[in-house]
Amino acid sequence: MNFNEFQLHDHLIQAIHRCGYTAPTPIQQQAIPFILDGRDFLGLAQTGTGKTAAFILPTVQRLMAAPGKQVRALVIAPTRELAEQINEFTQTIVRHTGLRSLAIYGGVSKSGQIAEIRRGIDIVIACPGRLLDLHRDGAVDLTHVEVLILDEADHMFDKGFLPDIRRIVRQLPIKRQNLVFSATMPHEIKHLAENILNDPTTVQINPSRSVQSIAHRLFSVDQSQKISLLMYLLSEESMATTLIFTRTKHKAKQLAQKLVHAGFMATSLQGNLSQNKRQQALDGFKNGTYTILVATDIAARGIDVTGISHVINFDVPDTAEAYIHRTGRTGRAGCTGDALTFATGEDNRLVHIIKRSLGKSMSCQDMPKLPDLYSPAHHPKASINTAAAFQSIPKGTEKSSRDSRKQPRRAAQLNIFGLPTAARSKKK
């Protein structure tokens, strides 16, 4: 099957070719015809299956068919990164159609967004909080919305957005098309879908299963050995582009700093960063400036980077659904990928749940023999090759630079893993 069978406008076919698509994915095959027919739709599919194209292509086709007032289509997304990703794809699709799209989210100035809205916007892709802010300010009119799309609905529940979504829905015209996409269907999302959707078509494509192109590996490791194991794997395995997940923002920042000091091209993506810094990190990861991105679950959804070879769960995620979303960043668009998980004894219950939900095996790996202290010889792929880079990490990377200036002697006694070295500095 190819996209021509959907009888899409020539502009859309050309845009599809620009994106490099050759054949529709299963969710696209099943969703696009029903959405083109104007039906409400509930799509359940795992991450990385092409859901964005499944709702944007028929929505743009609808908007091209007849003129209307703006804003005509509204996409609600749970994170800034996902909103930007959807908007980036949408702008590629609407090129030469006369339609315009805009991503709306917090963390940046309202004035620029308001100016764009006043110029005329057909498709808004928004995070709930900022959209409600602009609506309260009278800056955005939602009374002409023809299509409402909720993307990653289960994640919006996780982030506590359901009350905001209900407030938004109350501002929309009653007569509209509604599309809901989700990887899982917890009770709260099912209830929301029942309230929003009108006689929907439901399509389910293994929503709780990992894609088959991903190999899953498990390392049983003590907490104190995790960084040593990570350094070893980054050096010894062919990891072209690696996404590493940690449980906390502080740990993501700290771990990225240690990798940089070891000579790797690494950066972090976490909630404490400004929107500008978050975008710089993501853009750098996409364009190859960085080959390693250390992130919290903020990157589990909304990161669409071609060719991520490895996903590493430095910390085991809290749920099987989060595991599916994290590991779904690799093995996308027909490529193969590797998912590695570092589990301590405290993670046994979560690992058991994850294994049961996978629907495929997770191979248990033997721990390699790890050096006590890394040297440049252990890092053939590091971007720098000086002994100094592997001698120490200033304690200020874990606190502040001001603290590190107060404790230079202590900093000199820390090795690359932030642990005391065996030998102490001699007093002069």
Protein backbone atom coordinates (compact mmCIF):
# COMPACT_ATOMS: atom_id res chain seq x y z
CA MET A 1 0.00 0.00 0.00
CA ASN A 2 1.18 3.56 -0.64
CA PHE A 3 -0.07 7.04 0.24
CA ASN A 4 -1.60 7.59 -3.21
CA GLU A 5 -4.43 5.21 -2.26
CA PHE A 6 -5.72 7.76 0.27
CA GLN A 7 -6.40 10.20 -2.59
CA LEU A 8 -4.60 13.01 -0.79
CA HIS A 9 -4.01 16.41 -2.40
CA ASP A 10 -0.93 16.66 -4.62
CA HIS A 11 0.66 19.14 -2.18
CA LEU A 12 0.40 16.52 0.56
CA ILE A 13 1.86 13.76 -1.59
CA GLN A 14 4.81 16.01 -2.40
CA ALA A 15 5.24 16.80 1.31
CA ILE A 16 5.19 13.09 2.12
CA HIS A 17 7.98 12.52 -0.39
CA ARG A 18 9.96 15.40 1.17
CA CYS A 19 9.67 13.62 4.52
CA GLY A 20 11.08 10.46 2.97
CA TYR A 21 7.98 8.34 3.61
CA THR A 22 7.44 5.45 1.23
CA ALA A 23 4.57 3.43 2.70
CA PRO A 24 2.08 4.14 5.51
CA THR A 25 2.56 2.48 8.88
CA PRO A 26 -0.21 0.26 10.31
CA ILE A 27 -1.71 3.09 12.40
CA GLN A 28 -1.64 5.40 9.35
CA GLN A 29 -3.25 2.76 7.14
CA GLN A 30 -6.15 2.34 9.54
CA ALA A 31 -6.56 5.89 10.87
CA ILE A 32 -6.32 8.08 7.75
CA PRO A 33 -9.38 6.72 5.87
CA PHE A 34 -11.68 7.08 8.89
CA ILE A 35 -10.39 10.57 9.72
CA LEU A 36 -10.83 11.63 6.08
CA ASP A 37 -14.44 10.46 6.36
CA GLY A 38 -14.95 12.87 9.27
CA ARG A 39 -15.32 10.16 11.92
CA ASP A 40 -14.24 10.60 15.53
CA PHE A 41 -11.27 8.35 16.15
CA LEU A 42 -9.51 6.64 19.07
CA GLY A 43 -6.06 5.30 18.18
CA LEU A 44 -4.04 3.13 20.54
CA ALA A 45 -0.51 2.47 19.37
CA GLN A 46 2.96 2.42 20.86
CA THR A 47 5.40 5.26 20.41
CA GLY A 48 7.34 5.50 17.16
CA THR A 49 4.56 4.16 14.92
CA GLY A 50 3.79 7.33 12.96
CA LYS A 51 0.80 8.68 14.86
CA THR A 52 1.61 12.32 14.05
CA ALA A 53 1.26 11.79 10.30
CA ALA A 54 -1.86 9.71 10.94
CA PHE A 55 -3.73 12.75 12.26
CA ILE A 56 -1.96 15.69 10.57
CA LEU A 57 -2.31 14.49 6.96
CA PRO A 58 -6.11 14.03 6.96
CA THR A 59 -6.60 17.16 9.06
CA VAL A 60 -4.67 19.31 6.58
CA GLN A 61 -6.61 17.69 3.72
CA ARG A 62 -9.85 18.72 5.44
CA LEU A 63 -8.71 22.31 5.99
CA MET A 64 -7.56 22.61 2.37
CA ALA A 65 -10.95 21.48 1.07
CA ALA A 66 -12.85 24.57 2.24
CA PRO A 67 -11.90 27.98 3.68
CA GLY A 68 -12.78 28.85 7.25
CA LYS A 69 -12.04 31.13 10.16
CA GLN A 70 -8.95 30.66 12.31
CA VAL A 71 -8.11 28.71 14.58
CA ARG A 72 -9.58 25.67 12.75
CA ALA A 73 -7.59 22.72 14.16
CA LEU A 74 -6.28 22.33 17.70
CA VAL A 75 -3.72 19.73 18.77
CA ILE A 76 -3.14 19.34 22.52
CA ALA A 77 0.25 17.87 23.55
CA PRO A 78 1.69 17.22 27.04
CA THR A 79 5.22 18.63 26.57
CA ARG A 80 6.93 21.54 24.84
CA GLU A 81 9.22 19.15 22.98
CA LEU A 82 6.31 17.15 21.58
CA ALA A 83 4.45 20.35 20.61
CA GLU A 84 7.52 21.60 18.73
CA GLN A 85 8.00 18.24 17.03
CA ILE A 86 4.39 18.10 15.83
CA ASN A 87 4.59 21.71 14.64
CA GLU A 88 7.84 21.06 12.77
CA PHE A 89 6.21 18.16 10.93
CA THR A 90 3.03 20.17 10.31
CA GLN A 91 4.95 23.07 8.79
CA THR A 92 6.59 20.65 6.37
CA ILE A 93 3.20 19.28 5.38
CA VAL A 94 1.43 22.66 4.94
CA ARG A 95 4.18 24.22 2.85
CA HIS A 96 2.70 25.72 -0.34
CA THR A 97 -0.88 25.15 0.93
CA GLY A 98 -1.48 28.63 2.35
CA LEU A 99 -2.14 27.16 5.81
CA ARG A 100 -0.10 28.19 8.85
CA SER A 101 0.64 26.39 12.12
CA LEU A 102 2.01 27.50 15.49
CA ALA A 103 3.31 25.76 18.62
CA ILE A 104 2.15 27.34 21.89
CA TYR A 105 3.75 26.48 25.25
CA GLY A 106 5.09 28.10 28.39
CA GLY A 107 8.66 29.01 29.23
CA VAL A 108 8.88 31.61 26.46
CA SER A 109 7.40 35.08 26.02
CA LYS A 110 3.68 35.35 25.31
CA SER A 111 4.12 38.40 23.10
CA GLY A 112 5.72 36.52 20.20
CA GLN A 113 3.01 33.89 20.28
CA ILE A 114 0.26 36.51 20.40
CA ALA A 115 1.80 38.35 17.43
CA GLU A 116 1.81 35.12 15.39
CA ILE A 117 -1.81 34.39 16.29
CA ARG A 118 -2.84 37.87 15.16
CA ARG A 119 -1.20 37.26 11.79
CA GLY A 120 -3.57 34.31 11.33
CA ILE A 121 -3.06 30.68 12.32
CA ASP A 122 -4.99 27.67 11.04
CA ILE A 123 -3.49 24.90 13.19
CA VAL A 124 -2.45 25.42 16.81
CA ILE A 125 -0.36 22.80 18.60
CA ALA A 126 -0.46 23.68 22.29
CA CYS A 127 0.39 22.64 25.80
CA PRO A 128 -2.73 23.08 27.97
CA GLY A 129 -1.45 25.64 30.49
CA ARG A 130 -0.20 28.28 28.05
CA LEU A 131 -3.24 27.81 25.79
CA LEU A 132 -5.57 28.57 28.72
CA ASP A 133 -3.43 31.60 29.63
CA LEU A 134 -3.76 33.03 26.14
CA HIS A 135 -7.47 32.27 26.04
CA ARG A 136 -8.03 34.08 29.35
CA ASP A 137 -6.09 37.04 27.91
CA GLY A 138 -8.43 37.07 24.91
CA ALA A 139 -5.49 36.39 22.58
CA VAL A 140 -6.78 33.17 21.03
CA ASP A 141 -10.31 32.38 19.79
CA LEU A 142 -11.30 28.70 19.99
CA THR A 143 -14.89 29.06 18.81
CA HIS A 144 -14.11 28.04 15.22
CA VAL A 145 -12.18 24.83 15.91
CA GLU A 146 -13.27 22.12 13.48
CA VAL A 147 -10.89 19.36 14.63
CA LEU A 148 -9.67 18.63 18.18
CA ILE A 149 -6.72 16.26 18.54
CA LEU A 150 -5.40 14.93 21.85
CA ASP A 151 -1.95 13.39 21.40
CA GLU A 152 -0.27 11.23 24.07
CA ALA A 153 -3.47 11.36 26.11
CA ASP A 154 -2.16 8.94 28.74
CA HIS A 155 0.87 11.17 29.37
CA MET A 156 -1.42 14.17 29.81
CA PHE A 157 -3.13 12.23 32.58
CA ASP A 158 0.26 11.43 34.15
CA LYS A 159 1.11 15.15 34.18
CA GLY A 160 -2.24 16.12 35.74
CA PHE A 161 -3.56 17.93 32.65
CA LEU A 162 -7.05 16.41 32.51
CA PRO A 163 -8.76 19.31 34.37
CA ASP A 164 -7.14 21.78 31.95
CA ILE A 165 -8.24 19.71 28.97
CA ARG A 166 -11.82 19.73 30.20
CA ARG A 167 -11.66 23.53 30.55
CA ILE A 168 -10.36 23.80 26.97
CA VAL A 169 -13.05 21.50 25.59
CA ARG A 170 -15.76 23.69 27.14
CA GLN A 171 -14.50 26.60 24.97
CA LEU A 172 -14.87 24.65 21.70
CA PRO A 173 -17.89 24.42 19.41
CA ILE A 174 -20.04 21.35 20.04
CA LYS A 175 -19.95 20.34 16.39
CA ARG A 176 -16.41 19.23 15.64
CA GLN A 177 -14.31 16.17 14.81
CA ASN A 178 -12.44 14.64 17.76
CA LEU A 179 -9.30 12.48 17.55
CA VAL A 180 -7.62 10.88 20.57
CA PHE A 181 -4.28 9.08 20.35
CA SER A 182 -2.67 7.26 23.25
CA ALA A 183 -0.18 4.47 23.86
CA THR A 184 -2.15 3.04 26.79
CA MET A 185 -5.71 3.31 28.00
CA PRO A 186 -5.91 3.81 31.78
CA HIS A 187 -9.40 4.20 33.24
CA GLU A 188 -9.20 7.99 33.40
CA ILE A 189 -8.34 8.30 29.71
CA LYS A 190 -11.09 5.86 28.77
CA HIS A 191 -13.58 8.01 30.71
CA LEU A 192 -12.29 11.21 29.04
CA ALA A 193 -12.52 9.62 25.59
CA GLU A 194 -16.10 8.53 26.25
CA ASN A 195 -17.01 12.13 27.13
CA ILE A 196 -15.25 13.72 24.13
CA LEU A 197 -15.70 11.20 21.31
CA ASN A 198 -18.96 10.70 19.42
CA ASP A 199 -19.45 7.14 18.09
CA PRO A 200 -15.72 6.77 17.44
CA THR A 201 -13.83 4.26 15.35
CA THR A 202 -11.28 2.55 17.61
CA VAL A 203 -8.04 1.07 16.34
CA GLN A 204 -5.61 -0.73 18.64
CA ILE A 205 -2.15 -1.75 17.45
CA ASN A 206 -0.31 -3.48 20.31
CA PRO A 207 -0.28 -0.29 22.40
CA SER A 208 1.48 -1.81 25.41
CA ARG A 209 4.11 -3.74 23.47
CA SER A 210 7.56 -2.64 22.41
CA VAL A 211 8.29 -2.59 18.70
CA GLN A 212 9.89 -5.80 17.50
CA SER A 213 12.99 -4.11 16.06
CA ILE A 214 14.34 -3.32 19.55
CA ALA A 215 16.66 -5.72 21.41
CA HIS A 216 16.25 -5.48 25.19
CA ARG A 217 19.17 -6.17 27.54
CA LEU A 218 19.25 -6.17 31.33
CA PHE A 219 22.30 -5.60 33.55
CA SER A 220 22.03 -6.45 37.25
CA VAL A 221 24.36 -3.94 38.85
CA ASP A 222 25.07 -2.33 42.22
CA GLN A 223 24.23 1.37 42.39
CA SER A 224 27.90 2.19 42.97
CA GLN A 225 28.89 0.46 39.70
CA LYS A 226 26.42 2.12 37.36
CA ILE A 227 28.72 4.89 36.16
CA SER A 228 31.61 2.46 35.66
CA LEU A 229 29.35 0.20 33.61
CA LEU A 230 28.07 3.14 31.57
CA MET A 231 31.59 4.34 30.75
CA TYR A 232 32.61 0.84 29.75
CA LEU A 233 29.63 0.33 27.43
CA LEU A 234 29.96 3.75 25.81
CA SER A 235 33.59 2.96 25.06
CA GLU A 236 33.35 -0.67 24.01
CA GLU A 237 30.08 -0.84 22.04
CA SER A 238 29.15 0.84 18.77
CA MET A 239 26.82 3.50 20.13
CA ALA A 240 26.36 6.05 17.38
CA THR A 241 23.66 8.11 19.08
CA THR A 242 22.72 7.32 22.66
CA LEU A 243 19.83 8.50 24.83
CA ILE A 244 20.30 7.92 28.57
CA PHE A 245 17.41 8.18 31.02
CA THR A 246 17.71 9.06 34.71
CA ARG A 247 14.98 9.37 37.31
CA THR A 248 15.74 12.91 38.48
CA LYS A 249 16.67 16.26 36.93
CA HIS A 250 19.67 16.65 39.22
CA LYS A 251 21.09 13.26 38.27
CA ALA A 252 20.64 13.97 34.54
CA LYS A 253 22.64 17.17 34.83
CA GLN A 254 25.29 15.54 37.02
CA LEU A 255 25.74 12.50 34.80
CA ALA A 256 26.04 14.61 31.63
CA GLN A 257 28.73 16.71 33.30
CA LYS A 258 30.71 13.58 34.20
CA LEU A 259 30.50 12.32 30.63
CA VAL A 260 31.69 15.68 29.30
CA HIS A 261 34.65 15.60 31.71
CA ALA A 262 35.44 12.11 30.40
CA GLY A 263 35.63 13.51 26.87
CA PHE A 264 32.28 12.42 25.47
CA MET A 265 30.07 14.74 23.43
CA ALA A 266 27.20 14.80 25.91
CA THR A 267 24.53 17.17 27.13
CA SER A 268 21.43 16.99 29.32
CA LEU A 269 17.73 17.66 28.80
CA GLN A 270 15.71 18.20 31.97
CA GLY A 271 13.04 20.42 33.43
CA ASN A 272 15.33 22.87 35.22
CA LEU A 273 16.62 24.19 31.90
CA SER A 274 15.10 27.23 30.22
CA GLN A 275 13.18 26.58 27.01
CA ASN A 276 16.06 28.05 25.01
CA LYS A 277 18.58 25.69 26.66
CA ARG A 278 16.27 22.72 26.22
CA GLN A 279 15.92 23.48 22.52
CA GLN A 280 19.69 23.93 22.14
CA ALA A 281 20.29 20.53 23.75
CA LEU A 282 17.70 18.83 21.55
CA ASP A 283 18.91 20.54 18.37
CA GLY A 284 22.51 19.64 19.20
CA PHE A 285 21.53 16.01 19.67
CA LYS A 286 19.65 16.00 16.37
CA ASN A 287 22.44 17.61 14.33
CA GLY A 288 25.28 15.57 15.80
CA THR A 289 26.89 18.23 17.98
CA TYR A 290 26.19 15.82 20.84
CA THR A 291 26.16 12.04 20.46
CA ILE A 292 24.86 11.45 23.99
CA LEU A 293 21.76 13.02 25.55
CA VAL A 294 21.10 12.42 29.25
CA ALA A 295 17.47 13.11 30.06
CA THR A 296 14.59 12.62 32.41
CA ASP A 297 11.25 11.28 31.19
CA ILE A 298 10.70 14.67 29.57
CA ALA A 299 12.42 13.04 26.58
CA ALA A 300 10.47 9.77 26.69
CA ARG A 301 7.89 11.38 24.42
CA GLY A 302 8.34 14.09 21.85
CA ILE A 303 11.89 13.19 20.86
CA ASP A 304 11.94 12.17 17.21
CA VAL A 305 15.61 11.86 16.33
CA THR A 306 16.46 9.67 13.36
CA GLY A 307 18.91 6.87 14.06
CA ILE A 308 19.13 6.71 17.86
CA SER A 309 21.11 3.49 18.15
CA HIS A 310 20.83 2.93 21.91
CA VAL A 311 18.56 3.84 24.79
CA ILE A 312 20.02 3.28 28.26
CA ASN A 313 17.85 3.21 31.36
CA PHE A 314 20.46 4.35 33.87
CA ASP A 315 17.54 4.24 36.34
CA VAL A 316 14.67 1.80 35.88
CA PRO A 317 11.46 3.69 35.05
CA ASP A 318 8.55 3.65 37.48
CA THR A 319 6.08 1.90 35.16
CA ALA A 320 6.06 -0.53 32.24
CA GLU A 321 4.37 2.16 30.12
CA ALA A 322 7.26 4.56 30.80
CA TYR A 323 9.69 1.81 29.78
CA ILE A 324 7.86 1.35 26.46
CA HIS A 325 7.98 5.08 25.76
CA ARG A 326 11.64 5.44 26.72
CA THR A 327 12.84 2.51 24.64
CA GLY A 328 10.58 3.55 21.77
CA ARG A 329 13.00 6.39 21.02
CA THR A 330 15.16 3.78 19.24
CA GLY A 331 14.17 1.22 16.62
CA ARG A 332 12.03 3.79 14.79
CA ALA A 333 11.03 4.01 11.13
CA GLY A 334 12.07 0.45 10.36
CA CYS A 335 15.52 0.72 11.99
CA THR A 336 16.84 -1.63 14.64
CA GLY A 337 17.77 -0.44 18.13
CA ASP A 338 19.14 -1.53 21.48
CA ALA A 339 17.61 -0.86 24.89
CA LEU A 340 19.85 -1.39 27.92
CA THR A 341 18.60 -1.27 31.49
CA PHE A 342 20.69 -0.99 34.67
CA ALA A 343 18.77 -2.63 37.53
CA THR A 344 19.69 -2.92 41.20
CA GLY A 345 18.20 -5.42 43.63
CA GLU A 346 15.60 -2.82 44.62
CA ASP A 347 14.28 -2.79 41.06
CA ASN A 348 13.33 -6.49 40.90
CA ARG A 349 9.56 -5.91 41.18
CA LEU A 350 9.56 -3.26 38.43
CA VAL A 351 11.75 -5.40 36.18
CA HIS A 352 9.34 -8.32 36.55
CA ILE A 353 6.41 -6.08 35.54
CA ILE A 354 8.34 -4.70 32.55
CA LYS A 355 9.33 -8.18 31.36
CA ARG A 356 5.72 -9.34 31.56
CA SER A 357 4.47 -6.34 29.53
CA LEU A 358 7.11 -6.54 26.80
CA GLY A 359 5.72 -9.55 25.00
CA LYS A 360 9.28 -10.50 24.11
CA SER A 361 12.39 -11.58 25.97
CA MET A 362 14.78 -9.28 27.82
CA SER A 363 18.21 -10.90 27.79
CA CYS A 364 20.16 -10.85 31.06
CA GLN A 365 23.76 -9.74 30.49
CA ASP A 366 26.82 -10.76 32.45
CA MET A 367 28.62 -7.90 34.11
CA PRO A 368 31.90 -7.13 32.33
CA LYS A 369 35.14 -6.77 34.26
CA LEU A 370 35.28 -3.06 34.99
CA PRO A 371 38.52 -1.08 35.53
CA ASP A 372 38.79 0.65 38.90
CA LEU A 373 39.77 3.95 37.29
CA TYR A 374 39.41 4.91 33.68
CA SER A 375 42.29 6.24 31.63
CA PRO A 376 42.36 7.61 28.07
CA ALA A 377 43.19 4.11 26.83
CA HIS A 378 39.77 2.96 27.97
CA HIS A 379 38.06 5.70 25.96
CA PRO A 380 39.08 5.28 22.31
CA LYS A 381 35.92 7.10 21.20
CA ALA A 382 36.20 10.04 23.56
CA SER A 383 36.51 13.42 21.87
CA ILE A 384 39.66 14.34 23.81
CA ASN A 385 42.68 12.28 24.77
CA THR A 386 44.41 13.89 27.71
CA ALA A 387 45.08 12.25 31.04
CA ALA A 388 43.82 15.32 32.86
CA ALA A 389 40.30 14.79 31.57
CA PHE A 390 40.11 11.44 33.33
CA GLN A 391 41.80 12.36 36.58
CA SER A 392 39.05 14.18 38.43
CA ILE A 393 35.68 15.81 38.39
CA PRO A 394 35.47 18.97 40.48
CA LYS A 395 33.01 18.61 43.26
CA GLY A 396 31.44 21.81 41.98
CA THR A 397 29.77 19.80 39.20
CA GLU A 398 27.58 18.28 41.89
CA LYS A 399 27.06 21.47 43.88
CA SER A 400 28.17 24.84 42.64
CA SER A 401 31.34 26.30 41.20
CA ARG A 402 31.53 28.52 44.26
CA ASP A 403 31.61 25.44 46.53
CA SER A 404 34.30 23.81 44.40
CA ARG A 405 36.59 26.83 44.77
CA LYS A 406 36.35 26.42 48.52
CA GLN A 407 37.38 22.73 48.33
CA PRO A 408 40.15 22.34 45.73
CA ARG A 409 42.02 19.73 47.77
CA ARG A 410 38.91 17.56 48.12
CA ALA A 411 38.14 17.91 44.42
CA ALA A 412 41.57 16.61 43.50
CA GLN A 413 40.84 13.41 45.41
CA LEU A 414 37.77 12.51 43.31
CA ASN A 415 38.10 10.28 40.27
CA ILE A 416 35.92 10.28 37.18
CA PHE A 417 33.12 8.48 39.02
CA GLY A 418 32.93 11.05 41.82
CA LEU A 419 34.43 8.52 44.27
CA PRO A 420 37.52 8.96 46.47
CA THR A 421 40.70 7.78 44.79
CA ALA A 422 42.90 5.22 46.49
CA ALA A 423 45.89 7.51 46.87
CA ARG A 424 45.78 10.78 48.77
CA SER A 425 47.55 13.94 47.68
CA LYS A 426 50.88 14.43 49.42
CA LYS A 427 51.27 17.54 51.50
CA LYS A 428 54.07 19.76 50.37
